[in-house]
Amino acid sequence: MRIEQQSNGSDVTVHISLRGHPPGTDQRDGGAPDPSQVKEGVRKGLQSIKNHLEGGGGKEEPSVAT
């Protein structure tokens, strides 16, 4: 993570690495997650980072994991 001070706030850069299968998927069939699962997982991951940075706490879990 990199944080740079700007005149009107901060610029935060977060590098994300994806690997494996989303929680709750069947790994035996060897299939990749569908695009909507990937999109939801990335969205929830970014929301978790935002919650952490803003002090709101709480990890966001994709619906596949619950």
PDB file of N, CA and C in Angstrom:
ATOM      1  N   MET A   1       0.858  -1.157   0.000  1.00  0.00           N
ATOM      2  CA  MET A   1       0.000   0.000   0.000  1.00  0.00           C
ATOM      3  C   MET A   1       0.911   1.229   0.000  1.00  0.00           C
ATOM      4  N   ARG A   2       0.487   2.238  -0.765  1.00  0.00           N
ATOM      5  CA  ARG A   2       1.228   3.491  -0.819  1.00  0.00           C
ATOM      6  C   ARG A   2       0.241   4.636  -0.594  1.00  0.00           C
ATOM      7  N   ILE A   3       0.621   5.581   0.247  1.00  0.00           N
ATOM      8  CA  ILE A   3      -0.215   6.749   0.527  1.00  0.00           C
ATOM      9  C   ILE A   3       0.598   7.994   0.215  1.00  0.00           C
ATOM     10  N   GLU A   4       0.052   8.860  -0.624  1.00  0.00           N
ATOM     11  CA  GLU A   4       0.708  10.118  -0.971  1.00  0.00           C
ATOM     12  C   GLU A   4      -0.217  11.273  -0.606  1.00  0.00           C
ATOM     13  N   GLN A   5       0.346  12.237   0.098  1.00  0.00           N
ATOM     14  CA  GLN A   5      -0.420  13.420   0.475  1.00  0.00           C
ATOM     15  C   GLN A   5      -0.665  14.279  -0.757  1.00  0.00           C
ATOM     16  N   GLN A   6      -1.899  14.705  -0.956  1.00  0.00           N
ATOM     17  CA  GLN A   6      -2.280  15.597  -2.042  1.00  0.00           C
ATOM     18  C   GLN A   6      -2.804  16.891  -1.424  1.00  0.00           C
ATOM     19  N   SER A   7      -2.945  17.930  -2.235  1.00  0.00           N
ATOM     20  CA  SER A   7      -3.409  19.214  -1.704  1.00  0.00           C
ATOM     21  C   SER A   7      -4.841  19.138  -1.174  1.00  0.00           C
ATOM     22  N   ASN A   8      -5.649  18.246  -1.740  1.00  0.00           N
ATOM     23  CA  ASN A   8      -7.054  18.146  -1.311  1.00  0.00           C
ATOM     24  C   ASN A   8      -7.367  16.812  -0.627  1.00  0.00           C
ATOM     25  N   GLY A   9      -6.354  16.129  -0.110  1.00  0.00           N
ATOM     26  CA  GLY A   9      -6.581  14.846   0.563  1.00  0.00           C
ATOM     27  C   GLY A   9      -5.375  13.943   0.389  1.00  0.00           C
ATOM     28  N   SER A  10      -5.627  12.656   0.245  1.00  0.00           N
ATOM     29  CA  SER A  10      -4.563  11.673   0.070  1.00  0.00           C
ATOM     30  C   SER A  10      -4.875  10.782  -1.112  1.00  0.00           C
ATOM     31  N   ASP A  11      -3.811  10.319  -1.768  1.00  0.00           N
ATOM     32  CA  ASP A  11      -3.934   9.360  -2.852  1.00  0.00           C
ATOM     33  C   ASP A  11      -3.445   8.027  -2.311  1.00  0.00           C
ATOM     34  N   VAL A  12      -4.333   7.042  -2.234  1.00  0.00           N
ATOM     35  CA  VAL A  12      -3.999   5.730  -1.684  1.00  0.00           C
ATOM     36  C   VAL A  12      -3.960   4.715  -2.821  1.00  0.00           C
ATOM     37  N   THR A  13      -2.837   3.990  -2.932  1.00  0.00           N
ATOM     38  CA  THR A  13      -2.689   2.942  -3.931  1.00  0.00           C
ATOM     39  C   THR A  13      -2.544   1.611  -3.205  1.00  0.00           C
ATOM     40  N   VAL A  14      -3.395   0.651  -3.569  1.00  0.00           N
ATOM     41  CA  VAL A  14      -3.357  -0.684  -2.963  1.00  0.00           C
ATOM     42  C   VAL A  14      -3.148  -1.692  -4.077  1.00  0.00           C
ATOM     43  N   HIS A  15      -2.173  -2.574  -3.919  1.00  0.00           N
ATOM     44  CA  HIS A  15      -1.914  -3.627  -4.889  1.00  0.00           C
ATOM     45  C   HIS A  15      -2.599  -4.900  -4.402  1.00  0.00           C
ATOM     46  N   ILE A  16      -3.379  -5.511  -5.289  1.00  0.00           N
ATOM     47  CA  ILE A  16      -4.151  -6.701  -4.935  1.00  0.00           C
ATOM     48  C   ILE A  16      -3.667  -7.874  -5.772  1.00  0.00           C
ATOM     49  N   SER A  17      -3.464  -9.000  -5.125  1.00  0.00           N
ATOM     50  CA  SER A  17      -3.061 -10.227  -5.811  1.00  0.00           C
ATOM     51  C   SER A  17      -4.167 -11.254  -5.619  1.00  0.00           C
ATOM     52  N   LEU A  18      -4.649 -11.812  -6.721  1.00  0.00           N
ATOM     53  CA  LEU A  18      -5.719 -12.811  -6.659  1.00  0.00           C
ATOM     54  C   LEU A  18      -5.151 -14.183  -6.994  1.00  0.00           C
ATOM     55  N   ARG A  19      -5.553 -15.192  -6.225  1.00  0.00           N
ATOM     56  CA  ARG A  19      -5.132 -16.564  -6.512  1.00  0.00           C
ATOM     57  C   ARG A  19      -6.131 -17.527  -5.880  1.00  0.00           C
ATOM     58  N   GLY A  20      -6.145 -18.726  -6.370  1.00  0.00           N
ATOM     59  CA  GLY A  20      -7.028 -19.733  -5.803  1.00  0.00           C
ATOM     60  C   GLY A  20      -8.456 -19.581  -6.278  1.00  0.00           C
ATOM     61  N   HIS A  21      -9.356 -20.185  -5.546  1.00  0.00           N
ATOM     62  CA  HIS A  21     -10.783 -20.168  -5.862  1.00  0.00           C
ATOM     63  C   HIS A  21     -11.526 -19.375  -4.798  1.00  0.00           C
ATOM     64  N   PRO A  22     -12.637 -18.750  -5.174  1.00  0.00           N
ATOM     65  CA  PRO A  22     -13.415 -18.051  -4.157  1.00  0.00           C
ATOM     66  C   PRO A  22     -13.967 -19.037  -3.134  1.00  0.00           C
ATOM     67  N   PRO A  23     -14.107 -18.606  -1.890  1.00  0.00           N
ATOM     68  CA  PRO A  23     -14.681 -19.479  -0.868  1.00  0.00           C
ATOM     69  C   PRO A  23     -16.066 -19.964  -1.286  1.00  0.00           C
ATOM     70  N   GLY A  24     -16.346 -21.214  -1.021  1.00  0.00           N
ATOM     71  CA  GLY A  24     -17.671 -21.755  -1.304  1.00  0.00           C
ATOM     72  C   GLY A  24     -17.835 -22.325  -2.696  1.00  0.00           C
ATOM     73  N   THR A  25     -16.798 -22.271  -3.548  1.00  0.00           N
ATOM     74  CA  THR A  25     -16.918 -22.851  -4.883  1.00  0.00           C
ATOM     75  C   THR A  25     -16.358 -24.263  -4.882  1.00  0.00           C
ATOM     76  N   ASP A  26     -16.810 -25.068  -5.815  1.00  0.00           N
ATOM     77  CA  ASP A  26     -16.356 -26.448  -5.938  1.00  0.00           C
ATOM     78  C   ASP A  26     -15.047 -26.467  -6.717  1.00  0.00           C
ATOM     79  N   GLN A  27     -13.947 -26.748  -6.031  1.00  0.00           N
ATOM     80  CA  GLN A  27     -12.640 -26.731  -6.663  1.00  0.00           C
ATOM     81  C   GLN A  27     -12.359 -28.016  -7.431  1.00  0.00           C
ATOM     82  N   ARG A  28     -13.169 -29.034  -7.243  1.00  0.00           N
ATOM     83  CA  ARG A  28     -12.926 -30.322  -7.910  1.00  0.00           C
ATOM     84  C   ARG A  28     -13.202 -30.257  -9.400  1.00  0.00           C
ATOM     85  N   ASP A  29     -14.121 -29.389  -9.830  1.00  0.00           N
ATOM     86  CA  ASP A  29     -14.452 -29.352 -11.255  1.00  0.00           C
ATOM     87  C   ASP A  29     -13.426 -28.562 -12.068  1.00  0.00           C
ATOM     88  N   GLY A  30     -12.489 -27.870 -11.409  1.00  0.00           N
ATOM     89  CA  GLY A  30     -11.437 -27.151 -12.107  1.00  0.00           C
ATOM     90  C   GLY A  30     -11.904 -25.897 -12.819  1.00  0.00           C
ATOM     91  N   GLY A  31     -13.180 -25.579 -12.699  1.00  0.00           N
ATOM     92  CA  GLY A  31     -13.710 -24.401 -13.376  1.00  0.00           C
ATOM     93  C   GLY A  31     -13.332 -23.112 -12.682  1.00  0.00           C
ATOM     94  N   ALA A  32     -13.211 -22.098 -13.470  1.00  0.00           N
ATOM     95  CA  ALA A  32     -12.905 -20.773 -12.935  1.00  0.00           C
ATOM     96  C   ALA A  32     -14.186 -20.115 -12.444  1.00  0.00           C
ATOM     97  N   PRO A  33     -14.074 -19.171 -11.524  1.00  0.00           N
ATOM     98  CA  PRO A  33     -15.268 -18.438 -11.086  1.00  0.00           C
ATOM     99  C   PRO A  33     -15.824 -17.625 -12.248  1.00  0.00           C
ATOM    100  N   ASP A  34     -17.134 -17.416 -12.235  1.00  0.00           N
ATOM    101  CA  ASP A  34     -17.709 -16.620 -13.317  1.00  0.00           C
ATOM    102  C   ASP A  34     -17.412 -15.139 -13.060  1.00  0.00           C
ATOM    103  N   PRO A  35     -17.498 -14.310 -14.100  1.00  0.00           N
ATOM    104  CA  PRO A  35     -17.139 -12.887 -13.961  1.00  0.00           C
ATOM    105  C   PRO A  35     -17.891 -12.157 -12.855  1.00  0.00           C
ATOM    106  N   SER A  36     -19.145 -12.509 -12.616  1.00  0.00           N
ATOM    107  CA  SER A  36     -19.884 -11.817 -11.557  1.00  0.00           C
ATOM    108  C   SER A  36     -19.316 -12.148 -10.184  1.00  0.00           C
ATOM    109  N   GLN A  37     -18.833 -13.390  -9.990  1.00  0.00           N
ATOM    110  CA  GLN A  37     -18.203 -13.750  -8.716  1.00  0.00           C
ATOM    111  C   GLN A  37     -16.898 -12.978  -8.519  1.00  0.00           C
ATOM    112  N   VAL A  38     -16.118 -12.846  -9.587  1.00  0.00           N
ATOM    113  CA  VAL A  38     -14.863 -12.106  -9.504  1.00  0.00           C
ATOM    114  C   VAL A  38     -15.152 -10.644  -9.179  1.00  0.00           C
ATOM    115  N   LYS A  39     -16.115 -10.057  -9.877  1.00  0.00           N
ATOM    116  CA  LYS A  39     -16.468  -8.650  -9.654  1.00  0.00           C
ATOM    117  C   LYS A  39     -16.925  -8.427  -8.216  1.00  0.00           C
ATOM    118  N   GLU A  40     -17.777  -9.319  -7.709  1.00  0.00           N
ATOM    119  CA  GLU A  40     -18.257  -9.177  -6.342  1.00  0.00           C
ATOM    120  C   GLU A  40     -17.107  -9.320  -5.346  1.00  0.00           C
ATOM    121  N   GLY A  41     -16.221 -10.290  -5.583  1.00  0.00           N
ATOM    122  CA  GLY A  41     -15.084 -10.492  -4.686  1.00  0.00           C
ATOM    123  C   GLY A  41     -14.161  -9.291  -4.633  1.00  0.00           C
ATOM    124  N   VAL A  42     -13.883  -8.696  -5.788  1.00  0.00           N
ATOM    125  CA  VAL A  42     -13.035  -7.505  -5.837  1.00  0.00           C
ATOM    126  C   VAL A  42     -13.725  -6.345  -5.136  1.00  0.00           C
ATOM    127  N   ARG A  43     -15.031  -6.169  -5.400  1.00  0.00           N
ATOM    128  CA  ARG A  43     -15.777  -5.077  -4.765  1.00  0.00           C
ATOM    129  C   ARG A  43     -15.762  -5.218  -3.239  1.00  0.00           C
ATOM    130  N   LYS A  44     -16.002  -6.432  -2.754  1.00  0.00           N
ATOM    131  CA  LYS A  44     -16.009  -6.658  -1.300  1.00  0.00           C
ATOM    132  C   LYS A  44     -14.614  -6.467  -0.712  1.00  0.00           C
ATOM    133  N   GLY A  45     -13.585  -6.905  -1.443  1.00  0.00           N
ATOM    134  CA  GLY A  45     -12.216  -6.717  -0.967  1.00  0.00           C
ATOM    135  C   GLY A  45     -11.858  -5.248  -0.846  1.00  0.00           C
ATOM    136  N   LEU A  46     -12.235  -4.469  -1.854  1.00  0.00           N
ATOM    137  CA  LEU A  46     -11.976  -3.024  -1.801  1.00  0.00           C
ATOM    138  C   LEU A  46     -12.765  -2.358  -0.678  1.00  0.00           C
ATOM    139  N   GLN A  47     -13.987  -2.811  -0.444  1.00  0.00           N
ATOM    140  CA  GLN A  47     -14.782  -2.261   0.659  1.00  0.00           C
ATOM    141  C   GLN A  47     -14.133  -2.588   1.995  1.00  0.00           C
ATOM    142  N   SER A  48     -13.556  -3.791   2.132  1.00  0.00           N
ATOM    143  CA  SER A  48     -12.854  -4.165   3.363  1.00  0.00           C
ATOM    144  C   SER A  48     -11.661  -3.246   3.605  1.00  0.00           C
ATOM    145  N   ILE A  49     -10.907  -2.952   2.526  1.00  0.00           N
ATOM    146  CA  ILE A  49      -9.764  -2.053   2.644  1.00  0.00           C
ATOM    147  C   ILE A  49     -10.235  -0.662   3.058  1.00  0.00           C
ATOM    148  N   LYS A  50     -11.295  -0.179   2.432  1.00  0.00           N
ATOM    149  CA  LYS A  50     -11.842   1.139   2.781  1.00  0.00           C
ATOM    150  C   LYS A  50     -12.281   1.156   4.246  1.00  0.00           C
ATOM    151  N   ASN A  51     -12.986   0.114   4.689  1.00  0.00           N
ATOM    152  CA  ASN A  51     -13.427   0.037   6.088  1.00  0.00           C
ATOM    153  C   ASN A  51     -12.229   0.117   7.031  1.00  0.00           C
ATOM    154  N   HIS A  52     -11.165  -0.604   6.693  1.00  0.00           N
ATOM    155  CA  HIS A  52      -9.973  -0.616   7.539  1.00  0.00           C
ATOM    156  C   HIS A  52      -9.321   0.765   7.586  1.00  0.00           C
ATOM    157  N   LEU A  53      -9.160   1.394   6.425  1.00  0.00           N
ATOM    158  CA  LEU A  53      -8.490   2.694   6.364  1.00  0.00           C
ATOM    159  C   LEU A  53      -9.294   3.789   7.053  1.00  0.00           C
ATOM    160  N   GLU A  54     -10.616   3.690   6.976  1.00  0.00           N
ATOM    161  CA  GLU A  54     -11.465   4.720   7.585  1.00  0.00           C
ATOM    162  C   GLU A  54     -11.807   4.412   9.031  1.00  0.00           C
ATOM    163  N   GLY A  55     -11.270   3.317   9.560  1.00  0.00           N
ATOM    164  CA  GLY A  55     -11.506   2.973  10.950  1.00  0.00           C
ATOM    165  C   GLY A  55     -12.870   2.360  11.205  1.00  0.00           C
ATOM    166  N   GLY A  56     -13.590   2.005  10.142  1.00  0.00           N
ATOM    167  CA  GLY A  56     -14.908   1.391  10.291  1.00  0.00           C
ATOM    168  C   GLY A  56     -14.843  -0.089  10.585  1.00  0.00           C
ATOM    169  N   GLY A  57     -13.645  -0.675  10.393  1.00  0.00           N
ATOM    170  CA  GLY A  57     -13.441  -2.094  10.669  1.00  0.00           C
ATOM    171  C   GLY A  57     -14.393  -2.982   9.899  1.00  0.00           C
ATOM    172  N   GLY A  58     -14.222  -4.251  10.059  1.00  0.00           N
ATOM    173  CA  GLY A  58     -15.144  -5.212   9.491  1.00  0.00           C
ATOM    174  C   GLY A  58     -14.811  -5.650   8.085  1.00  0.00           C
ATOM    175  N   LYS A  59     -14.516  -6.920   7.939  1.00  0.00           N
ATOM    176  CA  LYS A  59     -14.226  -7.495   6.637  1.00  0.00           C
ATOM    177  C   LYS A  59     -15.528  -7.780   5.917  1.00  0.00           C
ATOM    178  N   GLU A  60     -15.574  -7.468   4.637  1.00  0.00           N
ATOM    179  CA  GLU A  60     -16.719  -7.763   3.792  1.00  0.00           C
ATOM    180  C   GLU A  60     -16.517  -9.147   3.181  1.00  0.00           C
ATOM    181  N   GLU A  61     -17.510 -10.003   3.267  1.00  0.00           N
ATOM    182  CA  GLU A  61     -17.426 -11.352   2.708  1.00  0.00           C
ATOM    183  C   GLU A  61     -18.305 -11.448   1.470  1.00  0.00           C
ATOM    184  N   PRO A  62     -17.773 -12.026   0.355  1.00  0.00           N
ATOM    185  CA  PRO A  62     -18.619 -12.253  -0.825  1.00  0.00           C
ATOM    186  C   PRO A  62     -19.746 -13.214  -0.477  1.00  0.00           C
ATOM    187  N   SER A  63     -20.874 -13.095  -1.174  1.00  0.00           N
ATOM    188  CA  SER A  63     -22.027 -13.949  -0.869  1.00  0.00           C
ATOM    189  C   SER A  63     -21.732 -15.421  -1.066  1.00  0.00           C
ATOM    190  N   VAL A  64     -20.799 -15.767  -1.946  1.00  0.00           N
ATOM    191  CA  VAL A  64     -20.427 -17.167  -2.155  1.00  0.00           C
ATOM    192  C   VAL A  64     -19.846 -17.770  -0.891  1.00  0.00           C
ATOM    193  N   ALA A  65     -19.191 -16.947  -0.070  1.00  0.00           N
ATOM    194  CA  ALA A  65     -18.551 -17.430   1.141  1.00  0.00           C
ATOM    195  C   ALA A  65     -19.519 -17.646   2.290  1.00  0.00           C
ATOM    196  N   THR A  66     -20.713 -17.105   2.177  1.00  0.00           N
ATOM    197  CA  THR A  66     -21.645 -17.206   3.309  1.00  0.00           C
ATOM    198  C   THR A  66     -22.718 -18.221   3.064  1.00  0.00           C
TER     199      THR A  66
END
